[in-house]
């Protein structure tokens, strides 16, 4: 694979992940059902991908590793749930920008839990994210649905940061697709009974959207991302992934007529600038 092809795959992955927020806006089902549908269809697609690659994910992990992957899968499910609650409550822009604050939480968790000293770059990232969040806050009234949606988005970013730190410090060397397979399995099992009463009420249109969300925006996006990392430096990938909220906000603007305010654009620029800086600074 050429470097150009790898970069195209990386941008395609960012675009597909960004589109997932648009499904959250369009689907007429609960946030928990969105997460279940996403994980279940992704699990089916990843199973086919693994079989085509002659991988058996259910055999690739020992019991201890499988238990760890299942636990991180449940945590990932919580992140997805909070994110789609943010989309349904506050809209695509506040949800994606709230989630994009996760580098600040990563630095805080590293400091609080592992005693890692905050460097000057970390402090600047915290400051930029904080100012950005203040600018995009619709109001300081919890009766405002958009404000509540932003809080859900920020919480989803905090949970995602915890997953990233845990992967860095405690995860073993597991193939990316195998890891994603186990995590989607955990989410599907955790939510199946909870969402069972809602399943018969879902329309055909929503089933198609859930399938696209799981197959295209999850399984395919993650596969493209993993494949691109073999030919693209990790910190370059981290910067490209900051395009995800931009794709999501632009898509919401085109499809739903949701026009971001000037303060939201400025706050979003500060947050995404901090995310890009974090990716360059980490060199991972």
C-alpha atoms as a PDB file:
ATOM      1  CA  UNK A   1       0.000   0.000   0.000  1.00  0.00           C
ATOM      2  CA  UNK A   2       1.322   3.463  -0.901  1.00  0.00           C
ATOM      3  CA  UNK A   3       1.481   6.295   1.604  1.00  0.00           C
ATOM      4  CA  UNK A   4      -1.154   8.192  -0.401  1.00  0.00           C
ATOM      5  CA  UNK A   5      -3.573   5.247  -0.228  1.00  0.00           C
ATOM      6  CA  UNK A   6      -2.985   4.911   3.509  1.00  0.00           C
ATOM      7  CA  UNK A   7      -3.762   8.607   4.037  1.00  0.00           C
ATOM      8  CA  UNK A   8      -6.948   8.256   1.958  1.00  0.00           C
ATOM      9  CA  UNK A   9      -7.990   5.292   4.108  1.00  0.00           C
ATOM     10  CA  UNK A  10      -7.306   7.306   7.239  1.00  0.00           C
ATOM     11  CA  UNK A  11      -9.452  10.230   6.065  1.00  0.00           C
ATOM     12  CA  UNK A  12     -12.183   7.794   5.014  1.00  0.00           C
ATOM     13  CA  UNK A  13     -12.149   6.306   8.522  1.00  0.00           C
ATOM     14  CA  UNK A  14     -12.453   9.795  10.075  1.00  0.00           C
ATOM     15  CA  UNK A  15     -15.326  10.625   7.717  1.00  0.00           C
ATOM     16  CA  UNK A  16     -17.198   7.405   8.521  1.00  0.00           C
ATOM     17  CA  UNK A  17     -16.802   7.903  12.273  1.00  0.00           C
ATOM     18  CA  UNK A  18     -18.005  11.483  11.906  1.00  0.00           C
ATOM     19  CA  UNK A  19     -21.072  10.273   9.986  1.00  0.00           C
ATOM     20  CA  UNK A  20     -22.014   8.084  12.971  1.00  0.00           C
ATOM     21  CA  UNK A  21     -23.189  11.231  14.789  1.00  0.00           C
ATOM     22  CA  UNK A  22     -25.573  11.964  11.895  1.00  0.00           C
ATOM     23  CA  UNK A  23     -27.176   8.552  12.358  1.00  0.00           C
ATOM     24  CA  UNK A  24     -27.719   9.450  16.010  1.00  0.00           C
ATOM     25  CA  UNK A  25     -29.640  12.532  14.866  1.00  0.00           C
ATOM     26  CA  UNK A  26     -31.644  10.671  12.196  1.00  0.00           C
ATOM     27  CA  UNK A  27     -32.587   7.430  13.987  1.00  0.00           C
ATOM     28  CA  UNK A  28     -35.956   7.295  15.763  1.00  0.00           C
ATOM     29  CA  UNK A  29     -34.916   4.815  18.450  1.00  0.00           C
ATOM     30  CA  UNK A  30     -33.439   5.131  21.932  1.00  0.00           C
ATOM     31  CA  UNK A  31     -29.736   5.792  22.482  1.00  0.00           C
ATOM     32  CA  UNK A  32     -29.315   2.338  24.044  1.00  0.00           C
ATOM     33  CA  UNK A  33     -30.884   0.723  20.955  1.00  0.00           C
ATOM     34  CA  UNK A  34     -28.504   2.703  18.707  1.00  0.00           C
ATOM     35  CA  UNK A  35     -25.548   1.352  20.675  1.00  0.00           C
ATOM     36  CA  UNK A  36     -26.888  -2.211  20.584  1.00  0.00           C
ATOM     37  CA  UNK A  37     -27.549  -2.046  16.835  1.00  0.00           C
ATOM     38  CA  UNK A  38     -24.150  -0.517  16.179  1.00  0.00           C
ATOM     39  CA  UNK A  39     -22.275  -3.148  18.180  1.00  0.00           C
ATOM     40  CA  UNK A  40     -24.317  -6.113  16.933  1.00  0.00           C
ATOM     41  CA  UNK A  41     -23.989  -5.285  13.227  1.00  0.00           C
ATOM     42  CA  UNK A  42     -20.318  -4.400  13.730  1.00  0.00           C
ATOM     43  CA  UNK A  43     -19.811  -7.763  15.442  1.00  0.00           C
ATOM     44  CA  UNK A  44     -21.293  -9.590  12.438  1.00  0.00           C
ATOM     45  CA  UNK A  45     -19.176  -7.606   9.968  1.00  0.00           C
ATOM     46  CA  UNK A  46     -15.988  -8.034  12.005  1.00  0.00           C
ATOM     47  CA  UNK A  47     -16.624 -11.778  12.217  1.00  0.00           C
ATOM     48  CA  UNK A  48     -16.739 -11.925   8.420  1.00  0.00           C
ATOM     49  CA  UNK A  49     -13.616  -9.742   8.112  1.00  0.00           C
ATOM     50  CA  UNK A  50     -11.722 -11.982  10.521  1.00  0.00           C
ATOM     51  CA  UNK A  51     -12.809 -15.154   8.736  1.00  0.00           C
ATOM     52  CA  UNK A  52     -11.650 -13.715   5.400  1.00  0.00           C
ATOM     53  CA  UNK A  53      -8.288 -12.937   7.004  1.00  0.00           C
ATOM     54  CA  UNK A  54      -8.140 -16.433   8.498  1.00  0.00           C
ATOM     55  CA  UNK A  55      -8.424 -15.083  12.051  1.00  0.00           C
ATOM     56  CA  UNK A  56     -10.492 -16.635  14.812  1.00  0.00           C
ATOM     57  CA  UNK A  57     -11.046 -13.864  17.382  1.00  0.00           C
ATOM     58  CA  UNK A  58     -12.874 -16.201  19.773  1.00  0.00           C
ATOM     59  CA  UNK A  59      -9.669 -18.285  19.956  1.00  0.00           C
ATOM     60  CA  UNK A  60      -7.132 -15.460  19.852  1.00  0.00           C
ATOM     61  CA  UNK A  61      -7.389 -14.362  23.492  1.00  0.00           C
ATOM     62  CA  UNK A  62      -6.688 -16.295  26.668  1.00  0.00           C
ATOM     63  CA  UNK A  63      -9.325 -16.130  29.453  1.00  0.00           C
ATOM     64  CA  UNK A  64      -7.609 -13.263  31.285  1.00  0.00           C
ATOM     65  CA  UNK A  65      -7.188 -11.168  28.146  1.00  0.00           C
ATOM     66  CA  UNK A  66     -10.755 -11.928  27.069  1.00  0.00           C
ATOM     67  CA  UNK A  67     -12.057 -10.764  30.448  1.00  0.00           C
ATOM     68  CA  UNK A  68     -10.071  -7.518  30.118  1.00  0.00           C
ATOM     69  CA  UNK A  69     -11.380  -6.925  26.601  1.00  0.00           C
ATOM     70  CA  UNK A  70     -14.957  -7.611  27.702  1.00  0.00           C
ATOM     71  CA  UNK A  71     -14.577  -5.117  30.556  1.00  0.00           C
ATOM     72  CA  UNK A  72     -13.188  -2.431  28.254  1.00  0.00           C
ATOM     73  CA  UNK A  73     -16.003  -3.261  25.839  1.00  0.00           C
ATOM     74  CA  UNK A  74     -18.631  -2.473  28.466  1.00  0.00           C
ATOM     75  CA  UNK A  75     -16.829   0.812  29.172  1.00  0.00           C
ATOM     76  CA  UNK A  76     -16.746   1.565  25.441  1.00  0.00           C
ATOM     77  CA  UNK A  77     -20.484   0.892  25.371  1.00  0.00           C
ATOM     78  CA  UNK A  78     -20.951   3.495  28.125  1.00  0.00           C
ATOM     79  CA  UNK A  79     -18.967   5.991  26.023  1.00  0.00           C
ATOM     80  CA  UNK A  80     -21.141   5.307  22.964  1.00  0.00           C
ATOM     81  CA  UNK A  81     -24.320   5.548  25.040  1.00  0.00           C
ATOM     82  CA  UNK A  82     -23.345   8.929  26.486  1.00  0.00           C
ATOM     83  CA  UNK A  83     -22.334  10.173  23.038  1.00  0.00           C
ATOM     84  CA  UNK A  84     -25.644   9.293  21.380  1.00  0.00           C
ATOM     85  CA  UNK A  85     -27.555  10.697  24.349  1.00  0.00           C
ATOM     86  CA  UNK A  86     -25.604  13.906  23.706  1.00  0.00           C
ATOM     87  CA  UNK A  87     -26.559  13.876  20.015  1.00  0.00           C
ATOM     88  CA  UNK A  88     -30.244  13.250  20.731  1.00  0.00           C
ATOM     89  CA  UNK A  89     -30.379  15.842  23.497  1.00  0.00           C
ATOM     90  CA  UNK A  90     -28.140  18.645  22.263  1.00  0.00           C
ATOM     91  CA  UNK A  91     -27.448  18.023  18.582  1.00  0.00           C
ATOM     92  CA  UNK A  92     -24.480  16.897  16.531  1.00  0.00           C
ATOM     93  CA  UNK A  93     -22.236  19.940  17.036  1.00  0.00           C
ATOM     94  CA  UNK A  94     -22.269  20.100  20.842  1.00  0.00           C
ATOM     95  CA  UNK A  95     -22.030  16.303  21.115  1.00  0.00           C
ATOM     96  CA  UNK A  96     -18.978  15.951  18.875  1.00  0.00           C
ATOM     97  CA  UNK A  97     -17.200  18.998  20.281  1.00  0.00           C
ATOM     98  CA  UNK A  98     -17.949  17.926  23.849  1.00  0.00           C
ATOM     99  CA  UNK A  99     -16.482  14.493  23.106  1.00  0.00           C
ATOM    100  CA  UNK A 100     -13.446  16.116  21.445  1.00  0.00           C
ATOM    101  CA  UNK A 101     -12.394  17.430  24.869  1.00  0.00           C
ATOM    102  CA  UNK A 102     -11.025  13.971  25.749  1.00  0.00           C
ATOM    103  CA  UNK A 103      -7.284  14.911  25.507  1.00  0.00           C
ATOM    104  CA  UNK A 104      -7.747  17.185  28.529  1.00  0.00           C
ATOM    105  CA  UNK A 105      -9.214  14.285  30.510  1.00  0.00           C
ATOM    106  CA  UNK A 106      -6.398  12.016  29.351  1.00  0.00           C
ATOM    107  CA  UNK A 107      -3.838  14.404  30.837  1.00  0.00           C
ATOM    108  CA  UNK A 108      -5.831  14.732  34.077  1.00  0.00           C
ATOM    109  CA  UNK A 109      -6.216  10.958  34.500  1.00  0.00           C
ATOM    110  CA  UNK A 110      -2.524  10.378  33.852  1.00  0.00           C
ATOM    111  CA  UNK A 111      -1.753  12.986  36.542  1.00  0.00           C
ATOM    112  CA  UNK A 112      -4.316  11.910  39.156  1.00  0.00           C
ATOM    113  CA  UNK A 113      -4.031   8.126  38.788  1.00  0.00           C
ATOM    114  CA  UNK A 114      -0.458   7.519  37.633  1.00  0.00           C
ATOM    115  CA  UNK A 115       1.250  10.621  39.012  1.00  0.00           C
ATOM    116  CA  UNK A 116       2.504  11.692  35.609  1.00  0.00           C
ATOM    117  CA  UNK A 117       3.649  15.310  35.760  1.00  0.00           C
ATOM    118  CA  UNK A 118       1.665  17.808  33.705  1.00  0.00           C
ATOM    119  CA  UNK A 119       3.960  19.480  31.211  1.00  0.00           C
ATOM    120  CA  UNK A 120       3.566  22.933  29.740  1.00  0.00           C
ATOM    121  CA  UNK A 121       1.871  21.510  26.629  1.00  0.00           C
ATOM    122  CA  UNK A 122      -0.634  19.618  28.817  1.00  0.00           C
ATOM    123  CA  UNK A 123      -1.503  22.810  30.687  1.00  0.00           C
ATOM    124  CA  UNK A 124      -2.039  24.683  27.429  1.00  0.00           C
ATOM    125  CA  UNK A 125      -4.272  21.870  26.146  1.00  0.00           C
ATOM    126  CA  UNK A 126      -6.330  22.011  29.355  1.00  0.00           C
ATOM    127  CA  UNK A 127      -6.664  25.779  29.033  1.00  0.00           C
ATOM    128  CA  UNK A 128      -7.656  25.713  25.348  1.00  0.00           C
ATOM    129  CA  UNK A 129     -10.230  22.962  25.901  1.00  0.00           C
ATOM    130  CA  UNK A 130     -11.704  24.776  28.908  1.00  0.00           C
ATOM    131  CA  UNK A 131     -12.077  28.061  27.007  1.00  0.00           C
ATOM    132  CA  UNK A 132     -13.491  26.198  24.005  1.00  0.00           C
ATOM    133  CA  UNK A 133     -16.106  24.461  26.143  1.00  0.00           C
ATOM    134  CA  UNK A 134     -17.147  27.774  27.691  1.00  0.00           C
ATOM    135  CA  UNK A 135     -17.586  29.287  24.228  1.00  0.00           C
ATOM    136  CA  UNK A 136     -19.716  26.441  22.867  1.00  0.00           C
ATOM    137  CA  UNK A 137     -21.925  26.170  25.966  1.00  0.00           C
ATOM    138  CA  UNK A 138     -25.413  27.221  24.755  1.00  0.00           C
ATOM    139  CA  UNK A 139     -26.414  28.519  28.206  1.00  0.00           C
ATOM    140  CA  UNK A 140     -25.615  27.925  31.846  1.00  0.00           C
ATOM    141  CA  UNK A 141     -29.085  26.528  32.537  1.00  0.00           C
ATOM    142  CA  UNK A 142     -29.543  22.782  32.985  1.00  0.00           C
ATOM    143  CA  UNK A 143     -33.114  23.156  31.738  1.00  0.00           C
ATOM    144  CA  UNK A 144     -31.617  23.864  28.314  1.00  0.00           C
ATOM    145  CA  UNK A 145     -31.466  20.593  26.376  1.00  0.00           C
ATOM    146  CA  UNK A 146     -28.441  21.726  24.367  1.00  0.00           C
ATOM    147  CA  UNK A 147     -26.491  22.369  27.565  1.00  0.00           C
ATOM    148  CA  UNK A 148     -27.414  18.939  28.919  1.00  0.00           C
ATOM    149  CA  UNK A 149     -26.341  17.459  25.584  1.00  0.00           C
ATOM    150  CA  UNK A 150     -22.972  19.170  25.904  1.00  0.00           C
ATOM    151  CA  UNK A 151     -22.527  17.686  29.393  1.00  0.00           C
ATOM    152  CA  UNK A 152     -23.281  14.214  28.014  1.00  0.00           C
ATOM    153  CA  UNK A 153     -20.723  14.826  25.260  1.00  0.00           C
ATOM    154  CA  UNK A 154     -18.062  15.908  27.759  1.00  0.00           C
ATOM    155  CA  UNK A 155     -18.797  12.850  29.912  1.00  0.00           C
ATOM    156  CA  UNK A 156     -18.446  10.620  26.837  1.00  0.00           C
ATOM    157  CA  UNK A 157     -15.031  12.221  26.255  1.00  0.00           C
ATOM    158  CA  UNK A 158     -14.025  11.544  29.874  1.00  0.00           C
ATOM    159  CA  UNK A 159     -15.004   7.869  29.571  1.00  0.00           C
ATOM    160  CA  UNK A 160     -13.149   7.590  26.259  1.00  0.00           C
ATOM    161  CA  UNK A 161     -10.044   9.098  27.890  1.00  0.00           C
ATOM    162  CA  UNK A 162     -10.241   6.489  30.663  1.00  0.00           C
ATOM    163  CA  UNK A 163     -10.362   3.723  28.023  1.00  0.00           C
ATOM    164  CA  UNK A 164      -7.353   5.209  26.208  1.00  0.00           C
ATOM    165  CA  UNK A 165      -5.305   5.447  29.412  1.00  0.00           C
ATOM    166  CA  UNK A 166      -6.267   1.902  30.426  1.00  0.00           C
ATOM    167  CA  UNK A 167      -5.240   0.580  27.008  1.00  0.00           C
ATOM    168  CA  UNK A 168      -1.899   2.344  27.314  1.00  0.00           C
ATOM    169  CA  UNK A 169      -1.059   1.052  30.796  1.00  0.00           C
ATOM    170  CA  UNK A 170      -2.735  -2.334  31.210  1.00  0.00           C
ATOM    171  CA  UNK A 171      -3.724  -3.825  27.856  1.00  0.00           C
ATOM    172  CA  UNK A 172      -1.791  -6.647  26.293  1.00  0.00           C
ATOM    173  CA  UNK A 173      -0.621  -6.980  22.727  1.00  0.00           C
ATOM    174  CA  UNK A 174      -3.854  -7.951  21.015  1.00  0.00           C
ATOM    175  CA  UNK A 175      -4.637  -7.576  17.324  1.00  0.00           C
ATOM    176  CA  UNK A 176      -6.797  -4.492  16.732  1.00  0.00           C
ATOM    177  CA  UNK A 177      -9.607  -6.295  14.920  1.00  0.00           C
ATOM    178  CA  UNK A 178      -9.680  -9.051  17.535  1.00  0.00           C
ATOM    179  CA  UNK A 179      -9.857  -6.456  20.303  1.00  0.00           C
ATOM    180  CA  UNK A 180     -12.735  -4.649  18.566  1.00  0.00           C
ATOM    181  CA  UNK A 181     -14.571  -7.974  18.069  1.00  0.00           C
ATOM    182  CA  UNK A 182     -14.470  -8.781  21.796  1.00  0.00           C
ATOM    183  CA  UNK A 183     -15.557  -5.267  22.730  1.00  0.00           C
ATOM    184  CA  UNK A 184     -18.537  -5.337  20.361  1.00  0.00           C
ATOM    185  CA  UNK A 185     -19.467  -8.747  21.772  1.00  0.00           C
ATOM    186  CA  UNK A 186     -19.435  -7.323  25.313  1.00  0.00           C
ATOM    187  CA  UNK A 187     -21.628  -4.349  24.343  1.00  0.00           C
ATOM    188  CA  UNK A 188     -24.122  -6.567  22.502  1.00  0.00           C
ATOM    189  CA  UNK A 189     -24.463  -8.955  25.442  1.00  0.00           C
ATOM    190  CA  UNK A 190     -24.754  -6.128  27.978  1.00  0.00           C
ATOM    191  CA  UNK A 191     -27.594  -4.339  26.145  1.00  0.00           C
ATOM    192  CA  UNK A 192     -29.543  -7.176  24.524  1.00  0.00           C
ATOM    193  CA  UNK A 193     -31.957  -7.888  27.390  1.00  0.00           C
ATOM    194  CA  UNK A 194     -32.391  -4.186  28.164  1.00  0.00           C
ATOM    195  CA  UNK A 195     -33.374  -3.348  24.572  1.00  0.00           C
ATOM    196  CA  UNK A 196     -35.366  -6.520  23.855  1.00  0.00           C
ATOM    197  CA  UNK A 197     -38.823  -4.886  24.335  1.00  0.00           C
ATOM    198  CA  UNK A 198     -37.937  -2.114  21.860  1.00  0.00           C
ATOM    199  CA  UNK A 199     -36.712  -4.382  19.053  1.00  0.00           C
ATOM    200  CA  UNK A 200     -40.175  -5.307  17.616  1.00  0.00           C
ATOM    201  CA  UNK A 201     -41.129  -1.618  17.327  1.00  0.00           C
ATOM    202  CA  UNK A 202     -38.194  -0.616  15.113  1.00  0.00           C
ATOM    203  CA  UNK A 203     -39.044   0.361  11.532  1.00  0.00           C
ATOM    204  CA  UNK A 204     -37.368  -1.107   8.455  1.00  0.00           C
ATOM    205  CA  UNK A 205     -35.808   2.293   7.735  1.00  0.00           C
ATOM    206  CA  UNK A 206     -34.211   2.397  11.166  1.00  0.00           C
ATOM    207  CA  UNK A 207     -32.927  -1.178  10.806  1.00  0.00           C
ATOM    208  CA  UNK A 208     -31.136  -0.175   7.603  1.00  0.00           C
ATOM    209  CA  UNK A 209     -29.608   2.823   9.351  1.00  0.00           C
ATOM    210  CA  UNK A 210     -28.465   0.692  12.294  1.00  0.00           C
ATOM    211  CA  UNK A 211     -26.890  -1.767   9.859  1.00  0.00           C
ATOM    212  CA  UNK A 212     -25.047   1.048   8.068  1.00  0.00           C
ATOM    213  CA  UNK A 213     -23.913   2.488  11.403  1.00  0.00           C
ATOM    214  CA  UNK A 214     -22.506  -0.857  12.515  1.00  0.00           C
ATOM    215  CA  UNK A 215     -21.015  -2.100   9.248  1.00  0.00           C
ATOM    216  CA  UNK A 216     -19.767   1.131   7.658  1.00  0.00           C
ATOM    217  CA  UNK A 217     -19.198   3.569  10.534  1.00  0.00           C
ATOM    218  CA  UNK A 218     -17.789   1.009  12.945  1.00  0.00           C
ATOM    219  CA  UNK A 219     -16.441  -2.217  11.423  1.00  0.00           C
ATOM    220  CA  UNK A 220     -15.255  -0.732   8.111  1.00  0.00           C
ATOM    221  CA  UNK A 221     -14.024   2.521   9.688  1.00  0.00           C
ATOM    222  CA  UNK A 222     -12.009   0.678  12.315  1.00  0.00           C
ATOM    223  CA  UNK A 223     -10.583  -1.742   9.737  1.00  0.00           C
ATOM    224  CA  UNK A 224      -9.480   1.163   7.520  1.00  0.00           C
ATOM    225  CA  UNK A 225      -7.937   2.910  10.516  1.00  0.00           C
ATOM    226  CA  UNK A 226      -5.984  -0.174  11.603  1.00  0.00           C
ATOM    227  CA  UNK A 227      -4.778  -0.835   8.037  1.00  0.00           C
ATOM    228  CA  UNK A 228      -3.646   2.779   7.565  1.00  0.00           C
ATOM    229  CA  UNK A 229      -1.569   2.740  10.759  1.00  0.00           C
ATOM    230  CA  UNK A 230       0.840   0.279   9.129  1.00  0.00           C
ATOM    231  CA  UNK A 231       1.897   3.017   6.688  1.00  0.00           C
ATOM    232  CA  UNK A 232       1.088   6.278   8.523  1.00  0.00           C
ATOM    233  CA  UNK A 233       2.794   7.537  11.678  1.00  0.00           C
ATOM    234  CA  UNK A 234       0.570   7.347  14.730  1.00  0.00           C
ATOM    235  CA  UNK A 235       0.778  11.040  15.612  1.00  0.00           C
ATOM    236  CA  UNK A 236      -0.188  11.905  12.017  1.00  0.00           C
ATOM    237  CA  UNK A 237      -3.222   9.660  12.398  1.00  0.00           C
ATOM    238  CA  UNK A 238      -4.130  11.393  15.665  1.00  0.00           C
ATOM    239  CA  UNK A 239      -4.192  14.758  13.884  1.00  0.00           C
ATOM    240  CA  UNK A 240      -6.271  13.452  10.950  1.00  0.00           C
ATOM    241  CA  UNK A 241      -8.854  11.998  13.343  1.00  0.00           C
ATOM    242  CA  UNK A 242      -9.507  15.546  14.606  1.00  0.00           C
ATOM    243  CA  UNK A 243     -11.376  15.997  11.313  1.00  0.00           C
ATOM    244  CA  UNK A 244     -14.162  13.779  12.671  1.00  0.00           C
ATOM    245  CA  UNK A 245     -16.144  16.608  14.377  1.00  0.00           C
ATOM    246  CA  UNK A 246     -15.655  18.829  11.319  1.00  0.00           C
ATOM    247  CA  UNK A 247     -17.171  16.162   9.057  1.00  0.00           C
ATOM    248  CA  UNK A 248     -20.036  15.643  11.519  1.00  0.00           C
ATOM    249  CA  UNK A 249     -20.854  19.359  11.897  1.00  0.00           C
ATOM    250  CA  UNK A 250     -20.651  19.941   8.139  1.00  0.00           C
ATOM    251  CA  UNK A 251     -22.932  16.956   7.533  1.00  0.00           C
ATOM    252  CA  UNK A 252     -25.479  18.202  10.076  1.00  0.00           C
ATOM    253  CA  UNK A 253     -25.359  21.615   8.414  1.00  0.00           C
ATOM    254  CA  UNK A 254     -26.079  20.113   4.983  1.00  0.00           C
ATOM    255  CA  UNK A 255     -28.627  17.451   5.984  1.00  0.00           C
ATOM    256  CA  UNK A 256     -30.481  18.986   8.921  1.00  0.00           C
ATOM    257  CA  UNK A 257     -29.881  22.703   8.424  1.00  0.00           C
ATOM    258  CA  UNK A 258     -28.153  23.001  11.810  1.00  0.00           C
ATOM    259  CA  UNK A 259     -26.039  26.142  11.488  1.00  0.00           C
ATOM    260  CA  UNK A 260     -23.374  26.546  14.205  1.00  0.00           C
ATOM    261  CA  UNK A 261     -23.060  29.948  15.891  1.00  0.00           C
ATOM    262  CA  UNK A 262     -19.919  32.080  15.689  1.00  0.00           C
ATOM    263  CA  UNK A 263     -19.015  31.322  19.325  1.00  0.00           C
ATOM    264  CA  UNK A 264     -19.473  27.607  18.671  1.00  0.00           C
ATOM    265  CA  UNK A 265     -17.160  27.769  15.669  1.00  0.00           C
ATOM    266  CA  UNK A 266     -14.541  29.643  17.681  1.00  0.00           C
ATOM    267  CA  UNK A 267     -14.835  27.278  20.642  1.00  0.00           C
ATOM    268  CA  UNK A 268     -14.707  24.287  18.338  1.00  0.00           C
ATOM    269  CA  UNK A 269     -11.569  25.650  16.673  1.00  0.00           C
ATOM    270  CA  UNK A 270      -9.884  25.971  20.082  1.00  0.00           C
ATOM    271  CA  UNK A 271     -10.871  22.425  21.117  1.00  0.00           C
ATOM    272  CA  UNK A 272      -9.856  20.831  17.819  1.00  0.00           C
ATOM    273  CA  UNK A 273      -6.615  22.817  17.839  1.00  0.00           C
ATOM    274  CA  UNK A 274      -5.897  21.400  21.296  1.00  0.00           C
ATOM    275  CA  UNK A 275      -6.690  17.871  20.038  1.00  0.00           C
ATOM    276  CA  UNK A 276      -4.335  18.283  17.069  1.00  0.00           C
ATOM    277  CA  UNK A 277      -1.638  19.702  19.357  1.00  0.00           C
ATOM    278  CA  UNK A 278      -2.100  16.767  21.704  1.00  0.00           C
ATOM    279  CA  UNK A 279      -1.617  14.349  18.802  1.00  0.00           C
ATOM    280  CA  UNK A 280       1.542  16.083  17.657  1.00  0.00           C
ATOM    281  CA  UNK A 281       2.882  16.411  21.195  1.00  0.00           C
ATOM    282  CA  UNK A 282       2.357  12.770  22.118  1.00  0.00           C
ATOM    283  CA  UNK A 283       4.164  11.414  19.004  1.00  0.00           C
ATOM    284  CA  UNK A 284       2.210   8.178  19.499  1.00  0.00           C
END
